Every structure is written in structure tokens, then in C-alpha cells.
Amino acid sequence: MGSSSDWDTWFDADGQQREPDWLGVLILPGTHLHLYGKLGARAGRKVGHLIITGSEVAGVKTVARRAAELLGLPGLHTV
């Protein structure tokens, strides 16, 4: 299988096309990535989700903030 850019397109919060840092996210402790296999991205369309587990809420929030940062997601201050 090639890179995800062979079959999917991702955009950051500014609308710029980019390749997500999947490896950077998946090496974070307690992360579980679930992609839905949709063939195209568009505004407001959910293409997957990330579950983060851990024994302490503070640690999970720290990992969530880092994952959001790596994926270029807005709303870091709300986690």
C-alpha cells in the first residue's frame, strides 16, 4: 500500500492540503486511530476518529492536545 495521499486528501484548519503525521500520532501513548475508508474529504465530513486511553485524565488530556497539534486541529485550548 502507498501513502495515504494515494487514496485520501487531508486539509488543515487553514484549508491547505497536507499529509497528516500518522506515525507521530500513533506513537503517542494510548492512541487508537480508526479511519472510515471514505474516498474523499470535504468540509464537515467525518473521516475517522482517535481514541485516547489512560489511567489519569490529565495524562489523556496532554496526549489529546499533542495529537490535535500534530494533526493541525483547531480547539487545542478546549481540551
PDB file of N, CA and C in Angstrom:
ATOM      1  N   MET A   1       0.840  -1.177   0.000  1.00  0.00           N
ATOM      2  CA  MET A   1       0.000   0.000   0.000  1.00  0.00           C
ATOM      3  C   MET A   1       0.883   1.237   0.000  1.00  0.00           C
ATOM      4  N   GLY A   2       0.512   2.260  -0.752  1.00  0.00           N
ATOM      5  CA  GLY A   2       1.260   3.506  -0.789  1.00  0.00           C
ATOM      6  C   GLY A   2       0.912   4.379   0.401  1.00  0.00           C
ATOM      7  N   SER A   3       1.313   5.624   0.332  1.00  0.00           N
ATOM      8  CA  SER A   3       0.981   6.551   1.407  1.00  0.00           C
ATOM      9  C   SER A   3      -0.502   6.877   1.358  1.00  0.00           C
ATOM     10  N   SER A   4      -0.998   7.462   2.451  1.00  0.00           N
ATOM     11  CA  SER A   4      -2.417   7.802   2.471  1.00  0.00           C
ATOM     12  C   SER A   4      -2.765   8.814   1.394  1.00  0.00           C
ATOM     13  N   SER A   5      -1.769   9.572   0.890  1.00  0.00           N
ATOM     14  CA  SER A   5      -2.060  10.528  -0.167  1.00  0.00           C
ATOM     15  C   SER A   5      -2.446   9.836  -1.470  1.00  0.00           C
ATOM     16  N   ASP A   6      -2.190   8.522  -1.577  1.00  0.00           N
ATOM     17  CA  ASP A   6      -2.612   7.766  -2.754  1.00  0.00           C
ATOM     18  C   ASP A   6      -4.125   7.570  -2.778  1.00  0.00           C
ATOM     19  N   TRP A   7      -4.769   7.662  -1.632  1.00  0.00           N
ATOM     20  CA  TRP A   7      -6.190   7.361  -1.571  1.00  0.00           C
ATOM     21  C   TRP A   7      -7.008   8.351  -0.773  1.00  0.00           C
ATOM     22  N   ASP A   8      -6.399   9.357  -0.206  1.00  0.00           N
ATOM     23  CA  ASP A   8      -7.153  10.293   0.608  1.00  0.00           C
ATOM     24  C   ASP A   8      -6.506  11.669   0.558  1.00  0.00           C
ATOM     25  N   THR A   9      -7.273  12.686   0.846  1.00  0.00           N
ATOM     26  CA  THR A   9      -6.776  14.047   0.872  1.00  0.00           C
ATOM     27  C   THR A   9      -7.152  14.667   2.198  1.00  0.00           C
ATOM     28  N   TRP A  10      -6.193  15.328   2.827  1.00  0.00           N
ATOM     29  CA  TRP A  10      -6.423  15.966   4.121  1.00  0.00           C
ATOM     30  C   TRP A  10      -6.115  17.443   4.005  1.00  0.00           C
ATOM     31  N   PHE A  11      -6.839  18.242   4.805  1.00  0.00           N
ATOM     32  CA  PHE A  11      -6.648  19.681   4.827  1.00  0.00           C
ATOM     33  C   PHE A  11      -6.498  20.141   6.266  1.00  0.00           C
ATOM     34  N   ASP A  12      -5.665  21.158   6.484  1.00  0.00           N
ATOM     35  CA  ASP A  12      -5.531  21.701   7.831  1.00  0.00           C
ATOM     36  C   ASP A  12      -6.616  22.747   8.071  1.00  0.00           C
ATOM     37  N   ALA A  13      -6.578  23.373   9.246  1.00  0.00           N
ATOM     38  CA  ALA A  13      -7.599  24.346   9.622  1.00  0.00           C
ATOM     39  C   ALA A  13      -7.628  25.559   8.695  1.00  0.00           C
ATOM     40  N   ASP A  14      -6.528  25.817   7.981  1.00  0.00           N
ATOM     41  CA  ASP A  14      -6.461  26.934   7.039  1.00  0.00           C
ATOM     42  C   ASP A  14      -6.854  26.538   5.623  1.00  0.00           C
ATOM     43  N   GLY A  15      -7.262  25.285   5.434  1.00  0.00           N
ATOM     44  CA  GLY A  15      -7.676  24.824   4.120  1.00  0.00           C
ATOM     45  C   GLY A  15      -6.538  24.396   3.213  1.00  0.00           C
ATOM     46  N   GLN A  16      -5.332  24.269   3.771  1.00  0.00           N
ATOM     47  CA  GLN A  16      -4.175  23.848   2.977  1.00  0.00           C
ATOM     48  C   GLN A  16      -4.075  22.324   2.969  1.00  0.00           C
ATOM     49  N   GLN A  17      -3.889  21.740   1.780  1.00  0.00           N
ATOM     50  CA  GLN A  17      -3.746  20.293   1.676  1.00  0.00           C
ATOM     51  C   GLN A  17      -2.442  19.855   2.327  1.00  0.00           C
ATOM     52  N   ARG A  18      -2.485  18.770   3.077  1.00  0.00           N
ATOM     53  CA  ARG A  18      -1.282  18.259   3.724  1.00  0.00           C
ATOM     54  C   ARG A  18      -1.452  16.788   4.081  1.00  0.00           C
ATOM     55  N   GLU A  19      -0.345  16.145   4.396  1.00  0.00           N
ATOM     56  CA  GLU A  19      -0.315  14.747   4.828  1.00  0.00           C
ATOM     57  C   GLU A  19      -0.264  14.724   6.354  1.00  0.00           C
ATOM     58  N   PRO A  20      -1.230  14.088   7.011  1.00  0.00           N
ATOM     59  CA  PRO A  20      -1.200  14.022   8.479  1.00  0.00           C
ATOM     60  C   PRO A  20       0.020  13.239   8.978  1.00  0.00           C
ATOM     61  N   ASP A  21       0.481  13.578  10.150  1.00  0.00           N
ATOM     62  CA  ASP A  21       1.608  12.884  10.780  1.00  0.00           C
ATOM     63  C   ASP A  21       1.066  11.664  11.538  1.00  0.00           C
ATOM     64  N   TRP A  22       0.641  10.642  10.784  1.00  0.00           N
ATOM     65  CA  TRP A  22       0.045   9.457  11.407  1.00  0.00           C
ATOM     66  C   TRP A  22       1.011   8.776  12.363  1.00  0.00           C
ATOM     67  N   LEU A  23       2.261   8.623  11.975  1.00  0.00           N
ATOM     68  CA  LEU A  23       3.234   7.964  12.838  1.00  0.00           C
ATOM     69  C   LEU A  23       3.412   8.746  14.138  1.00  0.00           C
ATOM     70  N   GLY A  24       3.515  10.050  14.029  1.00  0.00           N
ATOM     71  CA  GLY A  24       3.649  10.885  15.217  1.00  0.00           C
ATOM     72  C   GLY A  24       2.484  10.722  16.170  1.00  0.00           C
ATOM     73  N   VAL A  25       1.275  10.585  15.624  1.00  0.00           N
ATOM     74  CA  VAL A  25       0.087  10.390  16.461  1.00  0.00           C
ATOM     75  C   VAL A  25       0.071   8.977  17.052  1.00  0.00           C
ATOM     76  N   LEU A  26       0.345   7.986  16.226  1.00  0.00           N
ATOM     77  CA  LEU A  26       0.224   6.598  16.679  1.00  0.00           C
ATOM     78  C   LEU A  26       1.286   6.187  17.696  1.00  0.00           C
ATOM     79  N   ILE A  27       2.393   6.913  17.785  1.00  0.00           N
ATOM     80  CA  ILE A  27       3.384   6.571  18.802  1.00  0.00           C
ATOM     81  C   ILE A  27       3.072   7.223  20.148  1.00  0.00           C
ATOM     82  N   LEU A  28       2.062   8.087  20.189  1.00  0.00           N
ATOM     83  CA  LEU A  28       1.652   8.669  21.463  1.00  0.00           C
ATOM     84  C   LEU A  28       1.010   7.581  22.324  1.00  0.00           C
ATOM     85  N   PRO A  29       1.236   7.601  23.625  1.00  0.00           N
ATOM     86  CA  PRO A  29       0.702   6.540  24.487  1.00  0.00           C
ATOM     87  C   PRO A  29      -0.830   6.523  24.503  1.00  0.00           C
ATOM     88  N   GLY A  30      -1.381   5.332  24.383  1.00  0.00           N
ATOM     89  CA  GLY A  30      -2.831   5.137  24.496  1.00  0.00           C
ATOM     90  C   GLY A  30      -3.653   5.553  23.300  1.00  0.00           C
ATOM     91  N   THR A  31      -3.026   5.815  22.147  1.00  0.00           N
ATOM     92  CA  THR A  31      -3.794   6.261  20.983  1.00  0.00           C
ATOM     93  C   THR A  31      -4.238   5.089  20.110  1.00  0.00           C
ATOM     94  N   HIS A  32      -5.460   5.202  19.604  1.00  0.00           N
ATOM     95  CA  HIS A  32      -6.062   4.190  18.731  1.00  0.00           C
ATOM     96  C   HIS A  32      -6.787   4.938  17.616  1.00  0.00           C
ATOM     97  N   LEU A  33      -6.295   4.818  16.391  1.00  0.00           N
ATOM     98  CA  LEU A  33      -6.837   5.532  15.245  1.00  0.00           C
ATOM     99  C   LEU A  33      -7.813   4.645  14.479  1.00  0.00           C
ATOM    100  N   HIS A  34      -8.973   5.206  14.168  1.00  0.00           N
ATOM    101  CA  HIS A  34      -9.992   4.496  13.394  1.00  0.00           C
ATOM    102  C   HIS A  34     -10.379   5.360  12.193  1.00  0.00           C
ATOM    103  N   LEU A  35      -9.962   4.945  10.990  1.00  0.00           N
ATOM    104  CA  LEU A  35     -10.328   5.644   9.759  1.00  0.00           C
ATOM    105  C   LEU A  35     -11.472   4.885   9.096  1.00  0.00           C
ATOM    106  N   TYR A  36     -12.413   5.614   8.518  1.00  0.00           N
ATOM    107  CA  TYR A  36     -13.613   5.009   7.963  1.00  0.00           C
ATOM    108  C   TYR A  36     -13.496   4.578   6.507  1.00  0.00           C
ATOM    109  N   GLY A  37     -12.381   4.858   5.859  1.00  0.00           N
ATOM    110  CA  GLY A  37     -12.174   4.412   4.489  1.00  0.00           C
ATOM    111  C   GLY A  37     -12.940   5.212   3.445  1.00  0.00           C
ATOM    112  N   LYS A  38     -13.329   6.419   3.773  1.00  0.00           N
ATOM    113  CA  LYS A  38     -14.034   7.262   2.801  1.00  0.00           C
ATOM    114  C   LYS A  38     -13.054   7.707   1.726  1.00  0.00           C
ATOM    115  N   LEU A  39     -13.541   7.852   0.521  1.00  0.00           N
ATOM    116  CA  LEU A  39     -12.670   8.133  -0.613  1.00  0.00           C
ATOM    117  C   LEU A  39     -12.353   9.591  -0.823  1.00  0.00           C
ATOM    118  N   GLY A  40     -13.039  10.488  -0.150  1.00  0.00           N
ATOM    119  CA  GLY A  40     -12.760  11.899  -0.338  1.00  0.00           C
ATOM    120  C   GLY A  40     -13.042  12.692   0.916  1.00  0.00           C
ATOM    121  N   ALA A  41     -12.343  13.802   1.045  1.00  0.00           N
ATOM    122  CA  ALA A  41     -12.551  14.694   2.186  1.00  0.00           C
ATOM    123  C   ALA A  41     -13.290  15.936   1.715  1.00  0.00           C
ATOM    124  N   ARG A  42     -14.155  16.442   2.572  1.00  0.00           N
ATOM    125  CA  ARG A  42     -14.813  17.723   2.318  1.00  0.00           C
ATOM    126  C   ARG A  42     -15.199  18.330   3.665  1.00  0.00           C
ATOM    127  N   ALA A  43     -15.431  19.598   3.654  1.00  0.00           N
ATOM    128  CA  ALA A  43     -15.720  20.321   4.896  1.00  0.00           C
ATOM    129  C   ALA A  43     -16.872  19.671   5.658  1.00  0.00           C
ATOM    130  N   GLY A  44     -16.661  19.454   6.941  1.00  0.00           N
ATOM    131  CA  GLY A  44     -17.703  18.909   7.803  1.00  0.00           C
ATOM    132  C   GLY A  44     -17.886  17.409   7.728  1.00  0.00           C
ATOM    133  N   ARG A  45     -17.118  16.728   6.928  1.00  0.00           N
ATOM    134  CA  ARG A  45     -17.268  15.279   6.782  1.00  0.00           C
ATOM    135  C   ARG A  45     -16.315  14.557   7.717  1.00  0.00           C
ATOM    136  N   LYS A  46     -16.853  13.708   8.552  1.00  0.00           N
ATOM    137  CA  LYS A  46     -16.044  12.937   9.483  1.00  0.00           C
ATOM    138  C   LYS A  46     -15.449  11.739   8.742  1.00  0.00           C
ATOM    139  N   VAL A  47     -14.131  11.630   8.772  1.00  0.00           N
ATOM    140  CA  VAL A  47     -13.449  10.549   8.067  1.00  0.00           C
ATOM    141  C   VAL A  47     -12.814   9.540   9.021  1.00  0.00           C
ATOM    142  N   GLY A  48     -12.917   9.798  10.301  1.00  0.00           N
ATOM    143  CA  GLY A  48     -12.355   8.881  11.286  1.00  0.00           C
ATOM    144  C   GLY A  48     -12.382   9.502  12.662  1.00  0.00           C
ATOM    145  N   HIS A  49     -11.855   8.758  13.627  1.00  0.00           N
ATOM    146  CA  HIS A  49     -11.736   9.301  14.975  1.00  0.00           C
ATOM    147  C   HIS A  49     -10.531   8.697  15.679  1.00  0.00           C
ATOM    148  N   LEU A  50     -10.108   9.357  16.729  1.00  0.00           N
ATOM    149  CA  LEU A  50      -8.960   8.943  17.518  1.00  0.00           C
ATOM    150  C   LEU A  50      -9.435   8.723  18.947  1.00  0.00           C
ATOM    151  N   ILE A  51      -9.163   7.552  19.490  1.00  0.00           N
ATOM    152  CA  ILE A  51      -9.473   7.256  20.885  1.00  0.00           C
ATOM    153  C   ILE A  51      -8.161   7.300  21.657  1.00  0.00           C
ATOM    154  N   ILE A  52      -8.193   7.964  22.795  1.00  0.00           N
ATOM    155  CA  ILE A  52      -7.013   8.035  23.661  1.00  0.00           C
ATOM    156  C   ILE A  52      -7.413   7.512  25.031  1.00  0.00           C
ATOM    157  N   THR A  53      -6.695   6.500  25.496  1.00  0.00           N
ATOM    158  CA  THR A  53      -6.987   5.917  26.807  1.00  0.00           C
ATOM    159  C   THR A  53      -5.792   6.111  27.735  1.00  0.00           C
ATOM    160  N   GLY A  54      -6.073   6.109  29.021  1.00  0.00           N
ATOM    161  CA  GLY A  54      -5.011   6.251  30.008  1.00  0.00           C
ATOM    162  C   GLY A  54      -5.569   6.132  31.408  1.00  0.00           C
ATOM    163  N   SER A  55      -4.693   6.042  32.365  1.00  0.00           N
ATOM    164  CA  SER A  55      -5.129   5.842  33.753  1.00  0.00           C
ATOM    165  C   SER A  55      -5.431   7.150  34.475  1.00  0.00           C
ATOM    166  N   GLU A  56      -4.994   8.297  33.927  1.00  0.00           N
ATOM    167  CA  GLU A  56      -5.239   9.589  34.554  1.00  0.00           C
ATOM    168  C   GLU A  56      -5.745  10.591  33.526  1.00  0.00           C
ATOM    169  N   VAL A  57      -6.760  11.352  33.897  1.00  0.00           N
ATOM    170  CA  VAL A  57      -7.363  12.322  32.985  1.00  0.00           C
ATOM    171  C   VAL A  57      -6.337  13.341  32.497  1.00  0.00           C
ATOM    172  N   ALA A  58      -5.499  13.826  33.387  1.00  0.00           N
ATOM    173  CA  ALA A  58      -4.504  14.834  32.994  1.00  0.00           C
ATOM    174  C   ALA A  58      -3.581  14.304  31.895  1.00  0.00           C
ATOM    175  N   GLY A  59      -3.161  13.055  32.012  1.00  0.00           N
ATOM    176  CA  GLY A  59      -2.289  12.462  31.006  1.00  0.00           C
ATOM    177  C   GLY A  59      -2.993  12.298  29.671  1.00  0.00           C
ATOM    178  N   VAL A  60      -4.260  11.901  29.704  1.00  0.00           N
ATOM    179  CA  VAL A  60      -5.041  11.742  28.470  1.00  0.00           C
ATOM    180  C   VAL A  60      -5.214  13.103  27.792  1.00  0.00           C
ATOM    181  N   LYS A  61      -5.474  14.141  28.579  1.00  0.00           N
ATOM    182  CA  LYS A  61      -5.620  15.483  28.010  1.00  0.00           C
ATOM    183  C   LYS A  61      -4.314  15.957  27.364  1.00  0.00           C
ATOM    184  N   THR A  62      -3.204  15.647  27.981  1.00  0.00           N
ATOM    185  CA  THR A  62      -1.905  16.024  27.420  1.00  0.00           C
ATOM    186  C   THR A  62      -1.688  15.337  26.072  1.00  0.00           C
ATOM    187  N   VAL A  63      -1.995  14.047  26.002  1.00  0.00           N
ATOM    188  CA  VAL A  63      -1.850  13.301  24.744  1.00  0.00           C
ATOM    189  C   VAL A  63      -2.823  13.846  23.699  1.00  0.00           C
ATOM    190  N   ALA A  64      -4.048  14.166  24.100  1.00  0.00           N
ATOM    191  CA  ALA A  64      -5.048  14.698  23.169  1.00  0.00           C
ATOM    192  C   ALA A  64      -4.595  16.029  22.582  1.00  0.00           C
ATOM    193  N   ARG A  65      -4.037  16.891  23.425  1.00  0.00           N
ATOM    194  CA  ARG A  65      -3.527  18.172  22.929  1.00  0.00           C
ATOM    195  C   ARG A  65      -2.400  17.964  21.917  1.00  0.00           C
ATOM    196  N   ARG A  66      -1.501  17.046  22.214  1.00  0.00           N
ATOM    197  CA  ARG A  66      -0.385  16.774  21.300  1.00  0.00           C
ATOM    198  C   ARG A  66      -0.885  16.189  19.985  1.00  0.00           C
ATOM    199  N   ALA A  67      -1.835  15.257  20.055  1.00  0.00           N
ATOM    200  CA  ALA A  67      -2.397  14.661  18.836  1.00  0.00           C
ATOM    201  C   ALA A  67      -3.079  15.730  17.986  1.00  0.00           C
ATOM    202  N   ALA A  68      -3.846  16.605  18.615  1.00  0.00           N
ATOM    203  CA  ALA A  68      -4.521  17.680  17.884  1.00  0.00           C
ATOM    204  C   ALA A  68      -3.509  18.602  17.227  1.00  0.00           C
ATOM    205  N   GLU A  69      -2.432  18.886  17.940  1.00  0.00           N
ATOM    206  CA  GLU A  69      -1.369  19.728  17.387  1.00  0.00           C
ATOM    207  C   GLU A  69      -0.724  19.057  16.165  1.00  0.00           C
ATOM    208  N   LEU A  70      -0.412  17.768  16.283  1.00  0.00           N
ATOM    209  CA  LEU A  70       0.206  17.038  15.168  1.00  0.00           C
ATOM    210  C   LEU A  70      -0.709  16.965  13.949  1.00  0.00           C
ATOM    211  N   LEU A  71      -2.014  16.889  14.193  1.00  0.00           N
ATOM    212  CA  LEU A  71      -2.975  16.771  13.096  1.00  0.00           C
ATOM    213  C   LEU A  71      -3.458  18.128  12.590  1.00  0.00           C
ATOM    214  N   GLY A  72      -3.006  19.202  13.222  1.00  0.00           N
ATOM    215  CA  GLY A  72      -3.400  20.533  12.777  1.00  0.00           C
ATOM    216  C   GLY A  72      -4.850  20.849  13.068  1.00  0.00           C
ATOM    217  N   LEU A  73      -5.379  20.305  14.154  1.00  0.00           N
ATOM    218  CA  LEU A  73      -6.783  20.525  14.501  1.00  0.00           C
ATOM    219  C   LEU A  73      -6.941  21.757  15.359  1.00  0.00           C
ATOM    220  N   PRO A  74      -8.028  22.495  15.137  1.00  0.00           N
ATOM    221  CA  PRO A  74      -8.293  23.683  15.957  1.00  0.00           C
ATOM    222  C   PRO A  74      -8.839  23.262  17.331  1.00  0.00           C
ATOM    223  N   GLY A  75      -8.909  24.199  18.235  1.00  0.00           N
ATOM    224  CA  GLY A  75      -9.550  23.950  19.526  1.00  0.00           C
ATOM    225  C   GLY A  75      -8.653  23.348  20.584  1.00  0.00           C
ATOM    226  N   LEU A  76      -7.338  23.514  20.475  1.00  0.00           N
ATOM    227  CA  LEU A  76      -6.430  22.952  21.454  1.00  0.00           C
ATOM    228  C   LEU A  76      -6.708  23.465  22.859  1.00  0.00           C
ATOM    229  N   HIS A  77      -7.191  24.690  22.980  1.00  0.00           N
ATOM    230  CA  HIS A  77      -7.424  25.276  24.289  1.00  0.00           C
ATOM    231  C   HIS A  77      -8.640  24.681  24.998  1.00  0.00           C
ATOM    232  N   THR A  78      -9.499  23.948  24.283  1.00  0.00           N
ATOM    233  CA  THR A  78     -10.708  23.400  24.898  1.00  0.00           C
ATOM    234  C   THR A  78     -10.506  22.025  25.504  1.00  0.00           C
ATOM    235  N   VAL A  79      -9.361  21.389  25.243  1.00  0.00           N
ATOM    236  CA  VAL A  79      -9.112  20.042  25.758  1.00  0.00           C
ATOM    237  C   VAL A  79      -8.466  20.129  27.116  1.00  0.00           C
TER     238      VAL A  79
END
